[in-house]
């Protein structure tokens, strides 16, 4: 009887000791794990900031992960597993919450490698996504901009981008877009509104996002004026007509001082009652048509150029063409809005 009680006490004591040992061991292992992970994160962060660790599309074995806006941790885990980067999506999701990464993953394109641990993957996906920096000079046409985006490595569908360029209804929240009036024979409705500047684009940016990036910048540039819409109305033009004129001015000269003279000539011709002066006679519009045909630009329009039957041909048709021919910068827009009071008819 006594021996059985003693035996049970010993068994209980052993079990307690094992539990205590397991707890101590767990604490020790957990502490070592956290310490080692902190050390790895410090090394990783240090390497990233120093530029000694670079994982991009050119890194051997690099895997591209594109996090879309709205992707939650579970969706990201599915993408990681689908690319062979993790084995267990539930573990990744739980560890994200435990380690404080849940909700911190940044939308965009990331490059990682298969030798990264779950924690390191989490850390990397919280860093700024990979972007492509592209500069677009003033006077570029839409076709030139599209080609430069493609040449820079963006992976959008060019036909889809064309579709959005001809679908202003997707962008009516921008006042200047909502005021574009339908015009017969217009090439790409939003031409003229992709403001020329330097941008950072995600290589997986969608066509609508690409256009909105340009339009956001154009919107901010137009609001540099006290009231651009009132000014346009004062000179008897819509914003779209101002942008169309600015695009021609931009193609005629890159010098701000010359732009004012050019603008004055064009305004005077547009307001003239003399039929012989109502045509703008701009070689810029001829060069636009030549580019559409894959031809080189010319300094002076030939007889055949002048006779080309297109509403964009300002030697053949009076007034403004159906829409902008290039992407004007702020100087050209300013010149279009504020011509001088001179009576110039030629330049």
C-alpha atoms as a PDB file:
ATOM      1  CA  UNK A   1       0.000   0.000   0.000  1.00  0.00           C
ATOM      2  CA  UNK A   2       2.731   2.377   1.067  1.00  0.00           C
ATOM      3  CA  UNK A   3       4.965   1.385  -1.808  1.00  0.00           C
ATOM      4  CA  UNK A   4       2.186   1.997  -4.350  1.00  0.00           C
ATOM      5  CA  UNK A   5       1.620   5.503  -2.994  1.00  0.00           C
ATOM      6  CA  UNK A   6       5.327   6.182  -3.092  1.00  0.00           C
ATOM      7  CA  UNK A   7       5.486   4.866  -6.637  1.00  0.00           C
ATOM      8  CA  UNK A   8       2.672   7.161  -7.734  1.00  0.00           C
ATOM      9  CA  UNK A   9       4.311  10.136  -6.037  1.00  0.00           C
ATOM     10  CA  UNK A  10       7.548   9.383  -7.812  1.00  0.00           C
ATOM     11  CA  UNK A  11       5.689   9.104 -11.128  1.00  0.00           C
ATOM     12  CA  UNK A  12       3.932  12.418 -10.503  1.00  0.00           C
ATOM     13  CA  UNK A  13       7.212  14.020  -9.524  1.00  0.00           C
ATOM     14  CA  UNK A  14       8.881  12.719 -12.687  1.00  0.00           C
ATOM     15  CA  UNK A  15       6.009  14.026 -14.800  1.00  0.00           C
ATOM     16  CA  UNK A  16       6.251  17.421 -13.101  1.00  0.00           C
ATOM     17  CA  UNK A  17       9.987  17.492 -13.643  1.00  0.00           C
ATOM     18  CA  UNK A  18       9.498  16.584 -17.291  1.00  0.00           C
ATOM     19  CA  UNK A  19       6.888  19.342 -17.695  1.00  0.00           C
ATOM     20  CA  UNK A  20       9.197  21.844 -16.006  1.00  0.00           C
ATOM     21  CA  UNK A  21      12.098  20.672 -18.148  1.00  0.00           C
ATOM     22  CA  UNK A  22       9.985  20.935 -21.282  1.00  0.00           C
ATOM     23  CA  UNK A  23       8.865  24.418 -20.294  1.00  0.00           C
ATOM     24  CA  UNK A  24      12.408  25.565 -19.566  1.00  0.00           C
ATOM     25  CA  UNK A  25      13.603  23.967 -22.765  1.00  0.00           C
ATOM     26  CA  UNK A  26      10.751  25.633 -24.708  1.00  0.00           C
ATOM     27  CA  UNK A  27      11.567  29.012 -23.209  1.00  0.00           C
ATOM     28  CA  UNK A  28      15.239  28.500 -23.970  1.00  0.00           C
ATOM     29  CA  UNK A  29      14.583  27.384 -27.535  1.00  0.00           C
ATOM     30  CA  UNK A  30      12.020  30.146 -28.052  1.00  0.00           C
ATOM     31  CA  UNK A  31      14.453  32.730 -26.731  1.00  0.00           C
ATOM     32  CA  UNK A  32      17.202  31.408 -28.988  1.00  0.00           C
ATOM     33  CA  UNK A  33      14.799  31.399 -31.950  1.00  0.00           C
ATOM     34  CA  UNK A  34      13.673  34.980 -31.351  1.00  0.00           C
ATOM     35  CA  UNK A  35      17.277  36.074 -30.756  1.00  0.00           C
ATOM     36  CA  UNK A  36      18.475  34.361 -33.908  1.00  0.00           C
ATOM     37  CA  UNK A  37      15.595  35.812 -35.954  1.00  0.00           C
ATOM     38  CA  UNK A  38      16.275  39.292 -34.602  1.00  0.00           C
ATOM     39  CA  UNK A  39      19.907  38.850 -35.560  1.00  0.00           C
ATOM     40  CA  UNK A  40      18.949  37.656 -39.038  1.00  0.00           C
ATOM     41  CA  UNK A  41      16.565  40.583 -39.469  1.00  0.00           C
ATOM     42  CA  UNK A  42      19.279  43.003 -38.317  1.00  0.00           C
ATOM     43  CA  UNK A  43      21.715  41.482 -40.798  1.00  0.00           C
ATOM     44  CA  UNK A  44      19.059  41.505 -43.525  1.00  0.00           C
ATOM     45  CA  UNK A  45      18.076  45.107 -42.833  1.00  0.00           C
ATOM     46  CA  UNK A  46      21.726  46.132 -42.674  1.00  0.00           C
ATOM     47  CA  UNK A  47      22.462  44.411 -45.972  1.00  0.00           C
ATOM     48  CA  UNK A  48      19.453  46.024 -47.641  1.00  0.00           C
ATOM     49  CA  UNK A  49      20.313  49.514 -46.424  1.00  0.00           C
ATOM     50  CA  UNK A  50      23.971  49.075 -47.374  1.00  0.00           C
ATOM     51  CA  UNK A  51      23.025  47.804 -50.790  1.00  0.00           C
ATOM     52  CA  UNK A  52      25.002  44.588 -50.351  1.00  0.00           C
ATOM     53  CA  UNK A  53      21.852  42.488 -50.625  1.00  0.00           C
ATOM     54  CA  UNK A  54      19.968  43.132 -53.834  1.00  0.00           C
ATOM     55  CA  UNK A  55      17.287  40.782 -55.030  1.00  0.00           C
ATOM     56  CA  UNK A  56      15.850  41.849 -58.362  1.00  0.00           C
ATOM     57  CA  UNK A  57      14.836  40.325 -61.681  1.00  0.00           C
ATOM     58  CA  UNK A  58      18.503  39.734 -62.553  1.00  0.00           C
ATOM     59  CA  UNK A  59      19.302  37.808 -59.361  1.00  0.00           C
ATOM     60  CA  UNK A  60      19.931  34.100 -60.099  1.00  0.00           C
ATOM     61  CA  UNK A  61      16.895  32.134 -58.983  1.00  0.00           C
ATOM     62  CA  UNK A  62      14.816  35.255 -58.346  1.00  0.00           C
ATOM     63  CA  UNK A  63      11.064  34.686 -58.114  1.00  0.00           C
ATOM     64  CA  UNK A  64       8.665  37.551 -58.856  1.00  0.00           C
ATOM     65  CA  UNK A  65       5.753  38.016 -56.454  1.00  0.00           C
ATOM     66  CA  UNK A  66       3.136  40.596 -57.380  1.00  0.00           C
ATOM     67  CA  UNK A  67       0.948  41.731 -54.492  1.00  0.00           C
ATOM     68  CA  UNK A  68      -2.199  43.400 -55.777  1.00  0.00           C
ATOM     69  CA  UNK A  69      -4.012  46.114 -53.872  1.00  0.00           C
ATOM     70  CA  UNK A  70      -6.478  44.362 -51.593  1.00  0.00           C
ATOM     71  CA  UNK A  71      -4.521  41.104 -51.298  1.00  0.00           C
ATOM     72  CA  UNK A  72      -4.735  39.813 -47.725  1.00  0.00           C
ATOM     73  CA  UNK A  73      -2.134  37.600 -46.039  1.00  0.00           C
ATOM     74  CA  UNK A  74      -3.956  34.443 -47.072  1.00  0.00           C
ATOM     75  CA  UNK A  75      -3.901  35.478 -50.757  1.00  0.00           C
ATOM     76  CA  UNK A  76      -0.203  36.329 -50.490  1.00  0.00           C
ATOM     77  CA  UNK A  77       0.489  32.946 -48.872  1.00  0.00           C
ATOM     78  CA  UNK A  78      -1.266  31.223 -51.792  1.00  0.00           C
ATOM     79  CA  UNK A  79       0.977  33.079 -54.243  1.00  0.00           C
ATOM     80  CA  UNK A  80       4.081  32.120 -52.289  1.00  0.00           C
ATOM     81  CA  UNK A  81       3.078  28.466 -52.205  1.00  0.00           C
ATOM     82  CA  UNK A  82       2.165  28.536 -55.889  1.00  0.00           C
ATOM     83  CA  UNK A  83       5.695  29.695 -56.645  1.00  0.00           C
ATOM     84  CA  UNK A  84       7.274  27.017 -54.462  1.00  0.00           C
ATOM     85  CA  UNK A  85       8.501  29.471 -51.826  1.00  0.00           C
ATOM     86  CA  UNK A  86       6.616  28.009 -48.843  1.00  0.00           C
ATOM     87  CA  UNK A  87       5.088  24.620 -48.036  1.00  0.00           C
ATOM     88  CA  UNK A  88       2.310  25.600 -45.653  1.00  0.00           C
ATOM     89  CA  UNK A  89       0.033  28.592 -46.172  1.00  0.00           C
ATOM     90  CA  UNK A  90      -1.574  28.274 -42.723  1.00  0.00           C
ATOM     91  CA  UNK A  91       1.812  28.415 -40.995  1.00  0.00           C
ATOM     92  CA  UNK A  92       2.763  31.499 -43.040  1.00  0.00           C
ATOM     93  CA  UNK A  93      -0.541  33.199 -42.192  1.00  0.00           C
ATOM     94  CA  UNK A  94      -0.249  32.437 -38.465  1.00  0.00           C
ATOM     95  CA  UNK A  95       3.413  33.436 -38.334  1.00  0.00           C
ATOM     96  CA  UNK A  96       2.558  36.702 -40.086  1.00  0.00           C
ATOM     97  CA  UNK A  97       0.150  37.545 -37.281  1.00  0.00           C
ATOM     98  CA  UNK A  98       2.537  36.326 -34.562  1.00  0.00           C
ATOM     99  CA  UNK A  99       5.498  38.271 -35.953  1.00  0.00           C
ATOM    100  CA  UNK A 100       3.517  41.454 -36.606  1.00  0.00           C
ATOM    101  CA  UNK A 101       3.763  41.409 -40.392  1.00  0.00           C
ATOM    102  CA  UNK A 102       0.056  40.861 -41.041  1.00  0.00           C
ATOM    103  CA  UNK A 103      -1.324  43.976 -42.732  1.00  0.00           C
ATOM    104  CA  UNK A 104       2.173  45.284 -43.451  1.00  0.00           C
ATOM    105  CA  UNK A 105       2.741  43.735 -46.867  1.00  0.00           C
ATOM    106  CA  UNK A 106       3.129  46.350 -49.594  1.00  0.00           C
ATOM    107  CA  UNK A 107       1.273  46.112 -52.901  1.00  0.00           C
ATOM    108  CA  UNK A 108       3.498  45.901 -55.940  1.00  0.00           C
ATOM    109  CA  UNK A 109       6.204  43.716 -57.437  1.00  0.00           C
ATOM    110  CA  UNK A 110       8.744  42.016 -55.177  1.00  0.00           C
ATOM    111  CA  UNK A 111      11.612  39.673 -56.005  1.00  0.00           C
ATOM    112  CA  UNK A 112      12.615  36.943 -53.539  1.00  0.00           C
ATOM    113  CA  UNK A 113      14.582  33.700 -53.615  1.00  0.00           C
ATOM    114  CA  UNK A 114      13.711  30.189 -52.475  1.00  0.00           C
ATOM    115  CA  UNK A 115      16.452  30.086 -49.833  1.00  0.00           C
ATOM    116  CA  UNK A 116      14.700  32.725 -47.705  1.00  0.00           C
ATOM    117  CA  UNK A 117      12.972  31.565 -44.525  1.00  0.00           C
ATOM    118  CA  UNK A 118       9.317  32.322 -43.796  1.00  0.00           C
ATOM    119  CA  UNK A 119      10.365  35.254 -41.596  1.00  0.00           C
ATOM    120  CA  UNK A 120      12.711  36.629 -44.225  1.00  0.00           C
ATOM    121  CA  UNK A 121      10.026  36.361 -46.888  1.00  0.00           C
ATOM    122  CA  UNK A 122       7.693  38.303 -44.610  1.00  0.00           C
ATOM    123  CA  UNK A 123      10.336  40.953 -44.067  1.00  0.00           C
ATOM    124  CA  UNK A 124      11.130  41.279 -47.776  1.00  0.00           C
ATOM    125  CA  UNK A 125       7.461  41.619 -48.746  1.00  0.00           C
ATOM    126  CA  UNK A 126       7.156  44.550 -46.336  1.00  0.00           C
ATOM    127  CA  UNK A 127       9.881  46.472 -48.180  1.00  0.00           C
ATOM    128  CA  UNK A 128       9.189  48.982 -50.935  1.00  0.00           C
ATOM    129  CA  UNK A 129       8.255  47.131 -54.133  1.00  0.00           C
ATOM    130  CA  UNK A 130      10.410  47.082 -57.250  1.00  0.00           C
ATOM    131  CA  UNK A 131       9.774  50.094 -59.504  1.00  0.00           C
ATOM    132  CA  UNK A 132      11.027  51.368 -62.844  1.00  0.00           C
ATOM    133  CA  UNK A 133      11.993  55.036 -63.059  1.00  0.00           C
ATOM    134  CA  UNK A 134      11.112  56.573 -66.432  1.00  0.00           C
ATOM    135  CA  UNK A 135      11.494  60.148 -67.686  1.00  0.00           C
ATOM    136  CA  UNK A 136       9.188  61.431 -70.422  1.00  0.00           C
ATOM    137  CA  UNK A 137      10.307  64.683 -72.103  1.00  0.00           C
ATOM    138  CA  UNK A 138       7.807  67.329 -73.182  1.00  0.00           C
ATOM    139  CA  UNK A 139       6.432  66.893 -76.683  1.00  0.00           C
ATOM    140  CA  UNK A 140       6.247  63.111 -76.734  1.00  0.00           C
ATOM    141  CA  UNK A 141       3.281  61.569 -78.511  1.00  0.00           C
ATOM    142  CA  UNK A 142       1.134  58.881 -76.965  1.00  0.00           C
ATOM    143  CA  UNK A 143       2.672  56.234 -79.227  1.00  0.00           C
ATOM    144  CA  UNK A 144       6.165  57.252 -78.096  1.00  0.00           C
ATOM    145  CA  UNK A 145       5.137  57.116 -74.446  1.00  0.00           C
ATOM    146  CA  UNK A 146       3.588  53.673 -74.871  1.00  0.00           C
ATOM    147  CA  UNK A 147       6.730  52.360 -76.555  1.00  0.00           C
ATOM    148  CA  UNK A 148       8.972  53.812 -73.848  1.00  0.00           C
ATOM    149  CA  UNK A 149       6.870  52.133 -71.151  1.00  0.00           C
ATOM    150  CA  UNK A 150       7.238  48.799 -72.956  1.00  0.00           C
ATOM    151  CA  UNK A 151      10.965  49.287 -73.579  1.00  0.00           C
ATOM    152  CA  UNK A 152      11.419  49.988 -69.866  1.00  0.00           C
ATOM    153  CA  UNK A 153      10.070  46.544 -68.983  1.00  0.00           C
ATOM    154  CA  UNK A 154       6.472  47.201 -67.978  1.00  0.00           C
ATOM    155  CA  UNK A 155       4.303  44.159 -68.638  1.00  0.00           C
ATOM    156  CA  UNK A 156       0.940  45.735 -69.544  1.00  0.00           C
ATOM    157  CA  UNK A 157      -1.138  44.811 -72.569  1.00  0.00           C
ATOM    158  CA  UNK A 158      -0.627  47.639 -75.132  1.00  0.00           C
ATOM    159  CA  UNK A 159      -4.040  47.032 -76.683  1.00  0.00           C
ATOM    160  CA  UNK A 160      -5.644  47.453 -73.267  1.00  0.00           C
ATOM    161  CA  UNK A 161      -3.748  50.703 -72.754  1.00  0.00           C
ATOM    162  CA  UNK A 162      -5.083  51.924 -76.127  1.00  0.00           C
ATOM    163  CA  UNK A 163      -8.577  51.006 -75.007  1.00  0.00           C
ATOM    164  CA  UNK A 164      -8.294  53.095 -71.829  1.00  0.00           C
ATOM    165  CA  UNK A 165      -6.804  56.010 -73.789  1.00  0.00           C
ATOM    166  CA  UNK A 166      -9.986  56.015 -75.836  1.00  0.00           C
ATOM    167  CA  UNK A 167     -12.304  55.519 -72.834  1.00  0.00           C
ATOM    168  CA  UNK A 168     -12.512  58.826 -70.950  1.00  0.00           C
ATOM    169  CA  UNK A 169     -15.574  57.565 -69.049  1.00  0.00           C
ATOM    170  CA  UNK A 170     -13.195  55.645 -66.775  1.00  0.00           C
ATOM    171  CA  UNK A 171     -11.603  58.933 -65.697  1.00  0.00           C
ATOM    172  CA  UNK A 172     -14.491  61.393 -65.393  1.00  0.00           C
ATOM    173  CA  UNK A 173     -13.485  62.183 -61.800  1.00  0.00           C
ATOM    174  CA  UNK A 174     -10.863  64.433 -63.372  1.00  0.00           C
ATOM    175  CA  UNK A 175     -12.637  67.666 -64.291  1.00  0.00           C
ATOM    176  CA  UNK A 176     -10.480  68.277 -67.369  1.00  0.00           C
ATOM    177  CA  UNK A 177     -11.324  64.808 -68.697  1.00  0.00           C
ATOM    178  CA  UNK A 178     -15.047  65.213 -68.080  1.00  0.00           C
ATOM    179  CA  UNK A 179     -14.994  68.354 -70.238  1.00  0.00           C
ATOM    180  CA  UNK A 180     -13.493  66.686 -73.328  1.00  0.00           C
ATOM    181  CA  UNK A 181     -16.088  66.986 -76.092  1.00  0.00           C
ATOM    182  CA  UNK A 182     -16.353  64.177 -78.672  1.00  0.00           C
ATOM    183  CA  UNK A 183     -14.551  65.160 -81.871  1.00  0.00           C
ATOM    184  CA  UNK A 184     -14.661  63.360 -85.208  1.00  0.00           C
ATOM    185  CA  UNK A 185     -11.355  61.891 -86.328  1.00  0.00           C
ATOM    186  CA  UNK A 186      -9.619  62.262 -82.969  1.00  0.00           C
ATOM    187  CA  UNK A 187      -6.659  59.950 -82.302  1.00  0.00           C
ATOM    188  CA  UNK A 188      -6.699  58.629 -78.730  1.00  0.00           C
ATOM    189  CA  UNK A 189      -9.017  60.824 -76.679  1.00  0.00           C
ATOM    190  CA  UNK A 190      -6.634  61.257 -73.732  1.00  0.00           C
ATOM    191  CA  UNK A 191      -3.634  62.259 -75.852  1.00  0.00           C
ATOM    192  CA  UNK A 192      -2.204  65.486 -74.474  1.00  0.00           C
ATOM    193  CA  UNK A 193      -3.097  64.665 -70.873  1.00  0.00           C
ATOM    194  CA  UNK A 194      -0.265  62.270 -69.961  1.00  0.00           C
ATOM    195  CA  UNK A 195       1.842  64.923 -68.282  1.00  0.00           C
ATOM    196  CA  UNK A 196       5.545  64.678 -69.265  1.00  0.00           C
ATOM    197  CA  UNK A 197       7.648  64.119 -66.140  1.00  0.00           C
ATOM    198  CA  UNK A 198       9.696  61.499 -64.277  1.00  0.00           C
ATOM    199  CA  UNK A 199       7.673  58.641 -62.797  1.00  0.00           C
ATOM    200  CA  UNK A 200       8.181  55.452 -60.819  1.00  0.00           C
ATOM    201  CA  UNK A 201       6.066  52.622 -62.224  1.00  0.00           C
ATOM    202  CA  UNK A 202       5.590  49.109 -60.920  1.00  0.00           C
ATOM    203  CA  UNK A 203       6.544  46.725 -63.737  1.00  0.00           C
ATOM    204  CA  UNK A 204       3.174  44.987 -63.293  1.00  0.00           C
ATOM    205  CA  UNK A 205       1.147  48.207 -63.205  1.00  0.00           C
ATOM    206  CA  UNK A 206      -2.198  47.824 -64.924  1.00  0.00           C
ATOM    207  CA  UNK A 207      -3.088  50.100 -67.879  1.00  0.00           C
ATOM    208  CA  UNK A 208      -5.699  52.021 -65.891  1.00  0.00           C
ATOM    209  CA  UNK A 209      -3.188  52.601 -63.077  1.00  0.00           C
ATOM    210  CA  UNK A 210      -0.581  53.832 -65.568  1.00  0.00           C
ATOM    211  CA  UNK A 211      -2.946  56.401 -67.053  1.00  0.00           C
ATOM    212  CA  UNK A 212      -4.169  57.523 -63.630  1.00  0.00           C
ATOM    213  CA  UNK A 213      -0.569  58.166 -62.580  1.00  0.00           C
ATOM    214  CA  UNK A 214      -0.158  60.587 -65.485  1.00  0.00           C
ATOM    215  CA  UNK A 215      -3.571  62.183 -64.957  1.00  0.00           C
ATOM    216  CA  UNK A 216      -2.948  62.743 -61.239  1.00  0.00           C
ATOM    217  CA  UNK A 217       0.154  64.717 -62.127  1.00  0.00           C
ATOM    218  CA  UNK A 218      -1.669  66.676 -64.828  1.00  0.00           C
ATOM    219  CA  UNK A 219      -4.388  67.504 -62.329  1.00  0.00           C
ATOM    220  CA  UNK A 220      -1.868  68.893 -59.838  1.00  0.00           C
ATOM    221  CA  UNK A 221      -0.134  70.916 -62.579  1.00  0.00           C
ATOM    222  CA  UNK A 222      -3.374  72.504 -63.766  1.00  0.00           C
ATOM    223  CA  UNK A 223      -4.234  73.536 -60.222  1.00  0.00           C
ATOM    224  CA  UNK A 224      -1.056  75.619 -60.098  1.00  0.00           C
ATOM    225  CA  UNK A 225      -3.169  78.241 -61.844  1.00  0.00           C
ATOM    226  CA  UNK A 226      -5.612  80.275 -59.762  1.00  0.00           C
ATOM    227  CA  UNK A 227      -8.548  79.110 -61.865  1.00  0.00           C
ATOM    228  CA  UNK A 228      -7.504  77.462 -65.097  1.00  0.00           C
ATOM    229  CA  UNK A 229     -11.091  76.853 -66.191  1.00  0.00           C
ATOM    230  CA  UNK A 230     -12.082  80.501 -65.729  1.00  0.00           C
ATOM    231  CA  UNK A 231      -8.969  81.583 -67.622  1.00  0.00           C
ATOM    232  CA  UNK A 232      -9.760  79.250 -70.519  1.00  0.00           C
ATOM    233  CA  UNK A 233     -13.299  80.632 -70.660  1.00  0.00           C
ATOM    234  CA  UNK A 234     -11.971  84.194 -70.620  1.00  0.00           C
ATOM    235  CA  UNK A 235      -9.963  83.575 -73.802  1.00  0.00           C
ATOM    236  CA  UNK A 236     -12.943  81.807 -75.399  1.00  0.00           C
ATOM    237  CA  UNK A 237     -11.609  78.251 -75.213  1.00  0.00           C
ATOM    238  CA  UNK A 238     -12.336  75.002 -73.433  1.00  0.00           C
ATOM    239  CA  UNK A 239      -9.568  73.285 -71.467  1.00  0.00           C
ATOM    240  CA  UNK A 240      -9.393  70.669 -74.200  1.00  0.00           C
ATOM    241  CA  UNK A 241      -8.840  73.370 -76.823  1.00  0.00           C
ATOM    242  CA  UNK A 242      -6.154  74.909 -74.617  1.00  0.00           C
ATOM    243  CA  UNK A 243      -4.417  71.526 -74.345  1.00  0.00           C
ATOM    244  CA  UNK A 244      -4.700  70.987 -78.099  1.00  0.00           C
ATOM    245  CA  UNK A 245      -3.128  74.366 -78.796  1.00  0.00           C
ATOM    246  CA  UNK A 246      -0.471  73.794 -76.116  1.00  0.00           C
ATOM    247  CA  UNK A 247       0.472  70.489 -77.732  1.00  0.00           C
ATOM    248  CA  UNK A 248       1.136  72.241 -81.055  1.00  0.00           C
ATOM    249  CA  UNK A 249       3.101  75.022 -79.356  1.00  0.00           C
ATOM    250  CA  UNK A 250       5.180  72.386 -77.576  1.00  0.00           C
ATOM    251  CA  UNK A 251       6.044  70.700 -80.880  1.00  0.00           C
ATOM    252  CA  UNK A 252       6.921  74.034 -82.525  1.00  0.00           C
ATOM    253  CA  UNK A 253       9.520  75.067 -79.936  1.00  0.00           C
ATOM    254  CA  UNK A 254      11.015  74.020 -76.612  1.00  0.00           C
ATOM    255  CA  UNK A 255      11.917  77.603 -75.588  1.00  0.00           C
ATOM    256  CA  UNK A 256       9.472  79.312 -73.247  1.00  0.00           C
ATOM    257  CA  UNK A 257      10.137  82.762 -74.758  1.00  0.00           C
ATOM    258  CA  UNK A 258       9.386  81.514 -78.281  1.00  0.00           C
ATOM    259  CA  UNK A 259       6.258  79.745 -77.074  1.00  0.00           C
ATOM    260  CA  UNK A 260       4.589  83.050 -76.168  1.00  0.00           C
ATOM    261  CA  UNK A 261       5.120  84.409 -79.677  1.00  0.00           C
ATOM    262  CA  UNK A 262       3.918  81.173 -81.273  1.00  0.00           C
ATOM    263  CA  UNK A 263       0.837  81.172 -79.041  1.00  0.00           C
ATOM    264  CA  UNK A 264       0.068  84.776 -79.956  1.00  0.00           C
ATOM    265  CA  UNK A 265       0.282  83.998 -83.686  1.00  0.00           C
ATOM    266  CA  UNK A 266      -2.003  80.979 -83.343  1.00  0.00           C
ATOM    267  CA  UNK A 267      -4.549  82.834 -81.207  1.00  0.00           C
ATOM    268  CA  UNK A 268      -4.657  85.695 -83.712  1.00  0.00           C
ATOM    269  CA  UNK A 269      -5.177  83.262 -86.571  1.00  0.00           C
ATOM    270  CA  UNK A 270      -7.927  81.409 -84.720  1.00  0.00           C
ATOM    271  CA  UNK A 271      -9.730  84.723 -84.154  1.00  0.00           C
ATOM    272  CA  UNK A 272      -9.098  86.104 -87.646  1.00  0.00           C
ATOM    273  CA  UNK A 273     -11.977  86.801 -90.015  1.00  0.00           C
ATOM    274  CA  UNK A 274      -9.653  86.503 -93.000  1.00  0.00           C
ATOM    275  CA  UNK A 275     -10.087  82.988 -94.496  1.00  0.00           C
ATOM    276  CA  UNK A 276      -6.499  83.012 -95.741  1.00  0.00           C
ATOM    277  CA  UNK A 277      -5.208  83.394 -92.171  1.00  0.00           C
ATOM    278  CA  UNK A 278      -7.542  81.026 -90.326  1.00  0.00           C
ATOM    279  CA  UNK A 279      -5.331  78.017 -90.978  1.00  0.00           C
ATOM    280  CA  UNK A 280      -2.548  77.549 -88.424  1.00  0.00           C
ATOM    281  CA  UNK A 281      -0.113  76.268 -91.093  1.00  0.00           C
ATOM    282  CA  UNK A 282       1.844  74.351 -88.440  1.00  0.00           C
ATOM    283  CA  UNK A 283       4.572  71.922 -89.472  1.00  0.00           C
ATOM    284  CA  UNK A 284       4.134  70.344 -86.032  1.00  0.00           C
ATOM    285  CA  UNK A 285       0.818  68.859 -87.141  1.00  0.00           C
ATOM    286  CA  UNK A 286       2.429  67.610 -90.354  1.00  0.00           C
ATOM    287  CA  UNK A 287       5.172  65.894 -88.371  1.00  0.00           C
ATOM    288  CA  UNK A 288       2.532  64.306 -86.169  1.00  0.00           C
ATOM    289  CA  UNK A 289       0.901  62.797 -89.250  1.00  0.00           C
ATOM    290  CA  UNK A 290       4.275  61.692 -90.605  1.00  0.00           C
ATOM    291  CA  UNK A 291       5.049  59.942 -87.327  1.00  0.00           C
ATOM    292  CA  UNK A 292       1.739  58.104 -87.518  1.00  0.00           C
ATOM    293  CA  UNK A 293       2.941  56.806 -90.894  1.00  0.00           C
ATOM    294  CA  UNK A 294       6.349  55.838 -89.522  1.00  0.00           C
ATOM    295  CA  UNK A 295       8.098  58.635 -91.426  1.00  0.00           C
ATOM    296  CA  UNK A 296      10.853  60.978 -90.259  1.00  0.00           C
ATOM    297  CA  UNK A 297      10.112  64.530 -89.184  1.00  0.00           C
ATOM    298  CA  UNK A 298      10.760  67.401 -91.599  1.00  0.00           C
ATOM    299  CA  UNK A 299      11.757  71.011 -91.040  1.00  0.00           C
ATOM    300  CA  UNK A 300       9.336  72.220 -93.686  1.00  0.00           C
ATOM    301  CA  UNK A 301       6.194  70.559 -95.010  1.00  0.00           C
ATOM    302  CA  UNK A 302       6.291  69.413 -98.618  1.00  0.00           C
ATOM    303  CA  UNK A 303       3.470  69.981-101.094  1.00  0.00           C
ATOM    304  CA  UNK A 304       2.303  66.393-100.667  1.00  0.00           C
ATOM    305  CA  UNK A 305       2.351  66.804 -96.864  1.00  0.00           C
ATOM    306  CA  UNK A 306       0.211  69.919 -97.102  1.00  0.00           C
ATOM    307  CA  UNK A 307      -2.352  68.132 -99.259  1.00  0.00           C
ATOM    308  CA  UNK A 308      -2.788  65.149 -96.951  1.00  0.00           C
ATOM    309  CA  UNK A 309      -6.485  64.813 -96.170  1.00  0.00           C
ATOM    310  CA  UNK A 310      -6.594  64.711 -92.381  1.00  0.00           C
ATOM    311  CA  UNK A 311      -8.298  66.946 -89.834  1.00  0.00           C
ATOM    312  CA  UNK A 312      -4.885  67.108 -88.158  1.00  0.00           C
ATOM    313  CA  UNK A 313      -3.454  68.834 -91.252  1.00  0.00           C
ATOM    314  CA  UNK A 314      -3.530  72.535 -90.314  1.00  0.00           C
ATOM    315  CA  UNK A 315      -2.401  73.511 -93.803  1.00  0.00           C
ATOM    316  CA  UNK A 316      -5.577  72.020 -95.225  1.00  0.00           C
ATOM    317  CA  UNK A 317      -8.136  72.662 -92.464  1.00  0.00           C
ATOM    318  CA  UNK A 318      -8.754  75.874 -90.544  1.00  0.00           C
ATOM    319  CA  UNK A 319      -8.825  76.015 -86.771  1.00  0.00           C
ATOM    320  CA  UNK A 320      -7.531  73.508 -84.268  1.00  0.00           C
ATOM    321  CA  UNK A 321      -7.077  69.796 -85.037  1.00  0.00           C
ATOM    322  CA  UNK A 322      -9.452  67.270 -83.403  1.00  0.00           C
ATOM    323  CA  UNK A 323      -7.231  66.865 -80.340  1.00  0.00           C
ATOM    324  CA  UNK A 324      -3.724  67.270 -78.906  1.00  0.00           C
ATOM    325  CA  UNK A 325      -0.804  65.968 -80.972  1.00  0.00           C
ATOM    326  CA  UNK A 326       1.713  65.685 -78.098  1.00  0.00           C
ATOM    327  CA  UNK A 327       2.088  65.911 -74.341  1.00  0.00           C
ATOM    328  CA  UNK A 328       2.713  69.590 -73.511  1.00  0.00           C
ATOM    329  CA  UNK A 329       4.658  70.779 -70.492  1.00  0.00           C
ATOM    330  CA  UNK A 330       3.752  73.603 -68.142  1.00  0.00           C
ATOM    331  CA  UNK A 331       5.452  76.303 -70.276  1.00  0.00           C
ATOM    332  CA  UNK A 332       3.438  75.395 -73.373  1.00  0.00           C
ATOM    333  CA  UNK A 333       0.191  75.243 -71.374  1.00  0.00           C
ATOM    334  CA  UNK A 334       0.953  78.648 -69.856  1.00  0.00           C
ATOM    335  CA  UNK A 335       1.690  80.086 -73.291  1.00  0.00           C
ATOM    336  CA  UNK A 336      -1.601  78.738 -74.636  1.00  0.00           C
ATOM    337  CA  UNK A 337      -3.503  80.295 -71.730  1.00  0.00           C
ATOM    338  CA  UNK A 338      -1.724  83.661 -71.743  1.00  0.00           C
ATOM    339  CA  UNK A 339      -0.943  84.938 -75.262  1.00  0.00           C
ATOM    340  CA  UNK A 340       0.403  88.477 -75.618  1.00  0.00           C
ATOM    341  CA  UNK A 341      -1.570  91.400 -77.059  1.00  0.00           C
ATOM    342  CA  UNK A 342       0.625  91.684 -80.152  1.00  0.00           C
ATOM    343  CA  UNK A 343      -0.936  91.469 -83.605  1.00  0.00           C
ATOM    344  CA  UNK A 344       1.468  88.858 -84.913  1.00  0.00           C
ATOM    345  CA  UNK A 345       0.170  86.643 -87.709  1.00  0.00           C
ATOM    346  CA  UNK A 346       3.460  84.945 -88.602  1.00  0.00           C
ATOM    347  CA  UNK A 347       6.554  83.714 -86.787  1.00  0.00           C
END
